[in-house]
Every structure is written in structure tokens, then in C-alpha cells.
Amino acid sequence: MSVDVGITGAPGAGRTTVFRALLAHRAPARAGARAAGSAIGAIRVQDPRLEQLAGKFRPEKVTPIEIRLHDLCSSLERSFPTAEIEAMKRMQVLVLVLDGFADPSPETALQRFREILGELVLEDLAGVERRLERAVREPLEASERDALEAARETLEAERPVRSAELAPPARKALRSYALLTDRPLIAVLNTAEARASKPVPPELEHAATNCGIPVLSICAALEAEMADLDPQDQPALLAEYGIGAPAGGELTRAVLSINDIVPFFTVGEDECRAWGIPRGTRARSAAGRIHSDIERGFIRAEVIPFDDLLPLQGGLVEARKLGLLRLEGKDYQVQDGDVVHFRFNV
């Protein structure tokens, strides 16, 4: 599973600089490509478990989960142009960039958060109201009407649709409308270098958390500068400003968490790889992440938790001998950190 993350926000907030900064862990072959009017890059999800498995199996190739970033900024106008709104609707996650460097006061950061969220809420509200008005001529199923009315009530309270307590059928009914605030949102406060190590202002964090939106604080100019350095020199620059690690890692963790995506691993001499799946995914569907043939011909999954495998000198062979490699059927729910070998026949 790959996740498409769109970077948007108010003009002058440093949206493109944030995009460049977050690609400190970029995939060089793909970063900077352009498609459908937006720049695209990929962040590798840093998972120490995958690195430890690679050290154990010494494969020819190590493949982490990747998250695709899209720089959606196409205008300097205060409101979002139609093209950018349509691009947002194709994203699975939206990152809302807030200017925290021109005026770093907590009140200003909070105001900018409310402004940008307010624009998205108004866009969704207009769409919901148009559909409810058309219901006079184009009747709605009762469940769909209820879902739209619940969404309207939430939006009128200036809250994102995702924060509404809706039953699964109502969520499903809203999916076809591609409401901007019905997808995960992450706020990024872009700060000045002098505030690079400062925490998110509590006023902003409280307001965002109350809407179900995590907030990250980064100094995009500093981290974009760091991205151009040799990797060996990057830690020293971050340490000089009191920053523990590049922001890309924090964003990837937030994206996986807010989408409830967990990794499982496949290992071997040719490749050690992390695969992202929604929590609760069953073994047969997880096999399909690797290849449709494996899903179609699924027989069973051999599973061992990462923590049980790591100490074994003989890897999967020793795990089999010790009876630690469990055999699981198609309905087994793959867990975070499982190392899995799929048996199949096609």
C-alpha cells in the first residue's frame, strides 16, 4: 500500500520548501518528477526493524515502505483554485502548511490554522448543500441523505467531516463525494530557525487535536538546506539547532498512524522488504500486496513476530526447527511487525 500525501496551505507559508525539506529521505529516482501539474517525490519510511533484519539476512536489496508526496501549490491567491481542489480530492492525506516564521506568535499560528481549515470546511459544505438541494429532483437513499445531513451539521460547526461520529454505512455513503475534510489531515507549522527546536504552541495543538488533526513543527528552510548535505554531515547541522531527527521521519509516522497502517516484513537473501497494510488485514489479502498470484493461490502463511525472529542465528530455518514459525490460514489478521512467508500454488 502506497499513500499519496498532498501538501497544501496558505500562500507564503513555504509549502514548496516544506515539500523539499520532507524529501531528506527521498527516493532519488522519483523525487522531483512532475505529474498532473504537481511535483512528486517519495519518502522512505525509516523502520529500525527493517534495518535490523537487513543486518541479519544481508540481502541484495532492502525496500522500505514509501509515501508519495505531492506539492499541490499552483496559485498565490488566498483561496484555493479549482485545479488545486481537484488535486486535493485525489490525495489520501492532506498536509496543511501554516506560516510560523513571518509572525511566530501562538495567536497568529492558531488564526492561520483556523483560516486554512475554514476554507476546506466551506468547500465541503457548499458541495454537501448543493447535493441536498438537488435531492428535490434527484431523490437520495435514506442512508445517504442521513449521512449528508450529519456531514452538514458537522461542517456548520466548523469541524472536519472526519471528526464526526458516523456509522460505517454513513462513512461509505460519503466516500463518493470525496469531501476534503473526510480524509486524514495533518498540520505542519513551518517555523523560523530561531524556533526550530520549539514545541508546537499549546493553543494550536489543542485546537487541532480537538479536530482530530495532529500537528508537527518543522523549520523547512533549515531542513531543505540539510537535504542538500552529505548524509554524514546532516546530524551535526540538526544538532546545532537542537533538532533530533529530520522531519520526514516524523511525518511518515504520522501518516501511517492516522491511516492505521501497519508494516509486515518479508525476508531473504535477495530482498528484505516492509509492506504497509491497513490494521486488521487478513493473510490472504496481505499476500495480494506482494502479488496477485500469491493471493489467488494462497495456501498458508508462515508467521513469526519480529522480536522472536531477531535473536535466532539460523533465521527462518531455525524458527521452523524450534516450532516458532506458526502456520496461519487465510483469515489470520497480520500483525504489526510480523515476518511472513507465504506458501502458494498457481
Protein backbone atom coordinates (compact mmCIF):
# COMPACT_ATOMS: atom_id res chain seq x y z
CA MET A 1 0.00 0.00 0.00
CA SER A 2 1.35 3.38 -1.00
CA VAL A 3 -0.12 6.56 0.43
CA ASP A 4 -0.49 9.75 -1.61
CA VAL A 5 0.05 12.82 0.57
CA GLY A 6 -0.78 16.26 -0.80
CA ILE A 7 0.97 19.35 0.53
CA THR A 8 -1.17 22.47 0.51
CA GLY A 9 -1.71 25.56 2.65
CA ALA A 10 -1.81 29.31 2.54
CA PRO A 11 0.35 31.26 0.03
CA GLY A 12 3.62 32.39 1.55
CA ALA A 13 3.65 29.61 4.14
CA GLY A 14 6.59 27.87 2.48
CA ARG A 15 4.64 24.96 1.02
CA THR A 16 7.20 24.05 -1.64
CA THR A 17 10.06 24.48 0.84
CA VAL A 18 8.29 22.06 3.18
CA PHE A 19 7.97 19.64 0.26
CA ARG A 20 11.72 19.84 -0.41
CA ALA A 21 12.54 19.55 3.29
CA LEU A 22 10.46 16.42 3.77
CA LEU A 23 12.35 14.72 0.94
CA ALA A 24 15.50 14.49 3.06
CA HIS A 25 14.77 10.73 2.95
CA ARG A 26 13.81 10.90 -0.70
CA ALA A 27 13.95 8.17 -3.32
CA PRO A 28 16.33 9.81 -5.84
CA ALA A 29 14.92 8.14 -8.95
CA ARG A 30 11.45 9.56 -8.36
CA ALA A 31 11.90 12.76 -6.38
CA GLY A 32 11.21 15.89 -8.35
CA ALA A 33 9.18 14.20 -11.09
CA ARG A 34 6.13 16.09 -12.25
CA ALA A 35 2.69 14.69 -12.95
CA ALA A 36 -0.72 16.32 -13.40
CA GLY A 37 0.77 19.74 -12.62
CA SER A 38 2.28 18.87 -9.24
CA ALA A 39 5.79 17.92 -8.17
CA ILE A 40 6.06 14.40 -6.76
CA GLY A 41 8.65 12.81 -4.50
CA ALA A 42 8.88 9.76 -2.27
CA ILE A 43 9.83 9.43 1.40
CA ARG A 44 11.21 6.15 2.64
CA VAL A 45 9.67 5.14 5.94
CA GLN A 46 12.52 4.63 8.38
CA ASP A 47 11.84 1.44 10.40
CA PRO A 48 14.70 0.20 12.64
CA ARG A 49 13.25 -3.31 12.48
CA LEU A 50 13.78 -3.50 8.73
CA GLU A 51 17.36 -2.30 9.17
CA GLN A 52 17.97 -4.99 11.78
CA LEU A 53 16.50 -7.67 9.53
CA ALA A 54 18.73 -6.46 6.70
CA GLY A 55 21.76 -6.72 9.00
CA LYS A 56 20.76 -10.29 9.83
CA PHE A 57 19.94 -11.60 6.34
CA ARG A 58 22.33 -9.36 4.35
CA PRO A 59 20.08 -9.22 1.29
CA GLU A 60 20.98 -7.78 -2.10
CA LYS A 61 18.16 -5.27 -1.74
CA VAL A 62 16.36 -3.53 1.13
CA THR A 63 12.97 -1.98 0.35
CA PRO A 64 11.14 0.14 2.94
CA ILE A 65 7.58 1.41 2.69
CA GLU A 66 7.38 4.60 0.65
CA ILE A 67 5.00 7.53 0.96
CA ARG A 68 4.43 9.69 -2.12
CA LEU A 69 4.45 13.45 -1.55
CA HIS A 70 2.70 15.82 -3.96
CA ASP A 71 3.42 19.55 -3.97
CA LEU A 72 -0.06 20.78 -4.93
CA CYS A 73 0.66 24.50 -4.75
CA SER A 74 -0.48 26.05 -8.02
CA SER A 75 -1.52 29.57 -7.07
CA LEU A 76 -0.62 32.55 -4.91
CA GLU A 77 -4.26 33.52 -4.46
CA ARG A 78 -5.74 33.50 -0.97
CA SER A 79 -8.40 30.96 -1.90
CA PHE A 80 -7.77 27.58 -3.48
CA PRO A 81 -8.14 27.44 -7.27
CA THR A 82 -10.33 24.72 -8.77
CA ALA A 83 -7.35 22.76 -10.09
CA GLU A 84 -5.79 22.55 -6.64
CA ILE A 85 -9.06 21.48 -5.04
CA GLU A 86 -9.44 18.71 -7.61
CA ALA A 87 -5.85 17.63 -6.93
CA MET A 88 -6.59 17.52 -3.18
CA LYS A 89 -9.52 15.19 -3.81
CA ARG A 90 -7.13 12.65 -5.37
CA MET A 91 -4.98 12.56 -2.22
CA GLN A 92 -5.39 10.14 0.68
CA VAL A 93 -3.87 12.58 3.20
CA LEU A 94 -3.57 16.37 3.15
CA VAL A 95 -0.76 18.30 4.86
CA LEU A 96 -1.80 21.83 5.76
CA VAL A 97 1.26 24.11 5.90
CA LEU A 98 0.99 27.05 8.31
CA ASP A 99 3.33 30.05 8.32
CA GLY A 100 5.09 30.18 11.68
CA PHE A 101 8.13 32.22 10.63
CA ALA A 102 6.78 35.61 9.47
CA ASP A 103 4.86 36.10 12.71
CA PRO A 104 5.71 33.34 15.19
CA SER A 105 3.14 34.32 17.82
CA PRO A 106 0.89 31.47 19.04
CA GLU A 107 -2.20 33.55 18.27
CA THR A 108 -1.16 34.00 14.64
CA ALA A 109 -0.44 30.28 14.20
CA LEU A 110 -3.86 29.45 15.60
CA GLN A 111 -5.54 32.03 13.35
CA ARG A 112 -3.84 30.62 10.26
CA PHE A 113 -4.88 27.09 11.18
CA ARG A 114 -8.49 28.20 11.53
CA GLU A 115 -8.34 30.06 8.20
CA ILE A 116 -6.99 27.14 6.18
CA LEU A 117 -9.27 24.59 7.82
CA GLY A 118 -12.17 27.01 7.38
CA GLU A 119 -11.58 27.12 3.60
CA LEU A 120 -11.68 23.34 3.34
CA VAL A 121 -14.79 23.18 5.53
CA LEU A 122 -16.59 25.79 3.38
CA GLU A 123 -15.68 23.94 0.19
CA ASP A 124 -17.14 20.72 1.59
CA LEU A 125 -20.21 22.46 2.98
CA ALA A 126 -21.00 24.00 -0.40
CA GLY A 127 -20.80 20.60 -2.06
CA VAL A 128 -22.98 18.91 0.56
CA GLU A 129 -25.62 21.63 0.39
CA ARG A 130 -25.73 21.51 -3.42
CA ARG A 131 -26.44 17.77 -3.31
CA LEU A 132 -29.12 18.14 -0.66
CA GLU A 133 -30.78 20.87 -2.72
CA ARG A 134 -30.75 18.64 -5.81
CA ALA A 135 -32.45 15.91 -3.78
CA VAL A 136 -35.76 17.58 -4.64
CA ARG A 137 -35.25 16.50 -8.28
CA GLU A 138 -32.84 13.59 -7.74
CA PRO A 139 -34.03 11.66 -4.66
CA LEU A 140 -31.46 10.17 -2.28
CA GLU A 141 -31.50 6.88 -0.44
CA ALA A 142 -32.44 7.47 3.19
CA SER A 143 -28.98 6.32 4.40
CA GLU A 144 -27.19 8.68 2.01
CA ARG A 145 -29.41 11.61 2.98
CA ASP A 146 -28.77 10.92 6.68
CA ALA A 147 -25.02 10.81 6.02
CA LEU A 148 -25.08 14.12 4.14
CA GLU A 149 -27.16 15.81 6.82
CA ALA A 150 -24.76 14.57 9.51
CA ALA A 151 -21.85 15.89 7.45
CA ARG A 152 -23.60 19.26 7.04
CA GLU A 153 -24.18 19.52 10.78
CA THR A 154 -20.51 18.82 11.48
CA LEU A 155 -19.30 21.29 8.85
CA GLU A 156 -21.63 24.01 10.10
CA ALA A 157 -19.94 23.58 13.48
CA GLU A 158 -16.65 24.38 11.64
CA ARG A 159 -15.30 20.88 12.18
CA PRO A 160 -13.92 18.43 9.60
CA VAL A 161 -16.23 15.63 8.49
CA ARG A 162 -13.66 13.07 9.62
CA SER A 163 -14.23 14.16 13.23
CA ALA A 164 -17.94 13.30 13.08
CA GLU A 165 -19.12 10.14 14.79
CA LEU A 166 -20.64 8.32 11.82
CA ALA A 167 -21.58 4.66 11.48
CA PRO A 168 -19.63 2.66 8.83
CA PRO A 169 -22.55 2.73 6.33
CA ALA A 170 -22.68 6.53 6.57
CA ARG A 171 -18.91 6.78 6.05
CA LYS A 172 -19.24 4.57 2.99
CA ALA A 173 -22.11 6.67 1.64
CA LEU A 174 -19.96 9.83 1.85
CA ARG A 175 -16.96 8.30 0.12
CA SER A 176 -18.18 9.04 -3.40
CA TYR A 177 -18.32 12.78 -2.59
CA ALA A 178 -14.55 12.98 -1.98
CA LEU A 179 -15.03 15.58 0.75
CA LEU A 180 -11.73 17.27 1.56
CA THR A 181 -12.18 17.11 5.33
CA ASP A 182 -13.33 13.48 5.27
CA ARG A 183 -9.73 12.39 4.72
CA PRO A 184 -6.88 12.50 7.26
CA LEU A 185 -5.42 15.97 7.76
CA ILE A 186 -2.01 16.80 9.25
CA ALA A 187 -0.96 20.36 10.11
CA VAL A 188 2.67 21.43 9.71
CA LEU A 189 3.84 24.63 11.38
CA ASN A 190 6.75 26.00 9.34
CA THR A 191 8.95 27.92 11.79
CA ALA A 192 11.95 30.22 11.68
CA GLU A 193 15.41 28.88 12.52
CA ALA A 194 15.31 30.61 15.92
CA ARG A 195 12.31 28.46 16.85
CA ALA A 196 13.48 25.25 15.16
CA SER A 197 13.54 23.24 18.37
CA LYS A 198 10.49 24.84 19.99
CA PRO A 199 7.37 22.71 20.55
CA VAL A 200 4.06 23.38 18.84
CA PRO A 201 2.21 26.23 20.63
CA PRO A 202 -0.28 24.59 23.01
CA GLU A 203 -3.14 26.76 21.72
CA LEU A 204 -2.61 25.44 18.21
CA GLU A 205 -2.09 21.86 19.33
CA HIS A 206 -5.28 21.91 21.40
CA ALA A 207 -7.40 23.33 18.57
CA ALA A 208 -6.03 20.88 16.01
CA THR A 209 -6.22 17.84 18.30
CA ASN A 210 -9.81 18.73 19.10
CA CYS A 211 -10.50 18.29 15.36
CA GLY A 212 -8.53 15.05 15.17
CA ILE A 213 -5.61 16.70 13.37
CA PRO A 214 -2.00 16.04 14.52
CA VAL A 215 0.42 18.99 14.34
CA LEU A 216 4.13 18.86 13.50
CA SER A 217 6.58 21.73 13.83
CA ILE A 218 9.49 21.97 11.38
CA CYS A 219 11.92 24.59 10.14
CA ALA A 220 11.57 23.88 6.43
CA ALA A 221 14.34 26.23 5.28
CA LEU A 222 16.83 24.56 7.61
CA GLU A 223 15.79 21.05 6.68
CA ALA A 224 15.79 21.84 2.96
CA GLU A 225 19.38 23.04 3.41
CA MET A 226 20.18 19.83 5.28
CA ALA A 227 18.74 17.72 2.45
CA ASP A 228 21.47 19.03 0.15
CA LEU A 229 24.27 17.98 2.52
CA ASP A 230 26.15 14.70 2.61
CA PRO A 231 24.19 12.33 4.89
CA GLN A 232 27.17 12.15 7.26
CA ASP A 233 27.00 15.93 7.80
CA GLN A 234 23.26 16.14 8.39
CA PRO A 235 23.17 15.12 12.09
CA ALA A 236 25.66 17.84 13.02
CA LEU A 237 23.52 20.55 11.40
CA LEU A 238 20.39 19.31 13.14
CA ALA A 239 22.16 19.08 16.49
CA GLU A 240 23.36 22.68 16.14
CA TYR A 241 19.71 23.77 16.18
CA GLY A 242 18.56 21.27 18.79
CA ILE A 243 16.69 19.02 16.34
CA GLY A 244 16.86 15.29 16.99
CA ALA A 245 15.98 13.88 13.56
CA PRO A 246 14.81 15.01 10.10
CA ALA A 247 11.13 15.92 9.86
CA GLY A 248 10.50 13.36 7.13
CA GLY A 249 10.60 10.56 9.67
CA GLU A 250 8.08 12.28 11.94
CA LEU A 251 5.73 12.90 9.02
CA THR A 252 5.85 9.29 7.82
CA ARG A 253 5.00 8.05 11.32
CA ALA A 254 2.07 10.48 11.47
CA VAL A 255 0.82 9.39 8.04
CA LEU A 256 0.97 5.69 8.95
CA SER A 257 -0.64 6.30 12.34
CA ILE A 258 -3.50 8.46 11.12
CA ASN A 259 -4.30 5.90 8.39
CA ASP A 260 -3.85 2.99 10.84
CA ILE A 261 -1.33 1.33 8.53
CA VAL A 262 0.99 -1.29 9.99
CA PRO A 263 4.03 -2.96 8.39
CA PHE A 264 4.81 -6.62 7.96
CA PHE A 265 8.10 -7.94 6.60
CA THR A 266 9.33 -10.47 4.07
CA VAL A 267 12.96 -11.57 4.33
CA GLY A 268 15.54 -13.47 2.33
CA GLU A 269 18.95 -13.27 0.70
CA ASP A 270 17.54 -11.46 -2.33
CA GLU A 271 15.44 -8.85 -0.52
CA CYS A 272 14.22 -7.70 2.88
CA ARG A 273 11.09 -5.63 2.46
CA ALA A 274 8.46 -3.84 4.53
CA TRP A 275 4.87 -3.85 3.31
CA GLY A 276 2.20 -1.43 4.57
CA ILE A 277 -1.32 -2.77 5.15
CA PRO A 278 -4.40 -1.46 6.99
CA ARG A 279 -4.58 -2.84 10.52
CA GLY A 280 -6.77 -5.93 10.58
CA THR A 281 -5.85 -7.08 7.05
CA ARG A 282 -6.21 -10.85 6.67
CA ALA A 283 -3.35 -13.03 5.48
CA ARG A 284 -4.72 -13.74 2.02
CA SER A 285 -5.24 -10.03 1.29
CA ALA A 286 -1.77 -9.25 2.67
CA ALA A 287 -0.37 -11.80 0.22
CA GLY A 288 -2.02 -9.83 -2.56
CA ARG A 289 0.10 -6.82 -1.62
CA ILE A 290 3.09 -8.80 -2.85
CA HIS A 291 1.50 -10.29 -5.98
CA SER A 292 -1.99 -11.17 -7.14
CA ASP A 293 -0.80 -14.71 -7.97
CA ILE A 294 0.17 -15.26 -4.33
CA GLU A 295 -3.28 -14.14 -3.19
CA ARG A 296 -5.04 -16.30 -5.78
CA GLY A 297 -3.01 -19.42 -5.00
CA PHE A 298 -2.72 -18.81 -1.23
CA ILE A 299 -2.20 -22.00 0.81
CA ARG A 300 -0.99 -20.75 4.17
CA ALA A 301 1.21 -18.13 5.82
CA GLU A 302 4.27 -18.96 7.91
CA VAL A 303 4.45 -16.25 10.57
CA ILE A 304 6.87 -15.24 13.29
CA PRO A 305 6.92 -11.92 15.19
CA PHE A 306 9.99 -9.76 14.58
CA ASP A 307 11.01 -9.93 18.27
CA ASP A 308 11.03 -13.76 18.16
CA LEU A 309 12.99 -13.98 14.91
CA LEU A 310 15.73 -11.45 15.58
CA PRO A 311 17.67 -13.45 18.23
CA LEU A 312 17.74 -16.64 16.09
CA GLN A 313 21.09 -17.21 14.40
CA GLY A 314 19.57 -19.58 11.87
CA GLY A 315 16.75 -17.28 10.79
CA LEU A 316 13.60 -18.89 9.43
CA VAL A 317 15.22 -22.33 9.23
CA GLU A 318 15.93 -22.33 12.96
CA ALA A 319 12.47 -20.89 13.65
CA ARG A 320 10.92 -23.90 11.87
CA LYS A 321 13.05 -26.35 13.85
CA LEU A 322 12.10 -24.72 17.15
CA GLY A 323 8.42 -24.60 16.25
CA LEU A 324 8.35 -20.80 16.41
CA LEU A 325 7.16 -20.39 12.82
CA ARG A 326 3.37 -20.59 13.08
CA LEU A 327 1.16 -21.79 10.24
CA GLU A 328 -1.77 -19.46 9.73
CA GLY A 329 -4.75 -19.64 7.39
CA LYS A 330 -6.26 -17.06 5.06
CA ASP A 331 -8.30 -15.36 7.80
CA TYR A 332 -5.36 -14.66 10.12
CA GLN A 333 -5.06 -10.92 10.79
CA VAL A 334 -1.45 -9.94 10.05
CA GLN A 335 0.07 -8.03 12.98
CA ASP A 336 2.43 -5.06 13.13
CA GLY A 337 5.97 -6.45 12.83
CA ASP A 338 5.07 -9.97 11.65
CA VAL A 339 7.69 -11.61 9.44
CA VAL A 340 5.70 -13.64 6.92
CA HIS A 341 6.49 -16.27 4.29
CA PHE A 342 3.54 -17.12 2.06
CA ARG A 343 3.05 -20.57 0.62
CA PHE A 344 1.00 -20.63 -2.58
CA ASN A 345 0.29 -22.68 -5.67
CA VAL A 346 -0.83 -21.35 -9.07
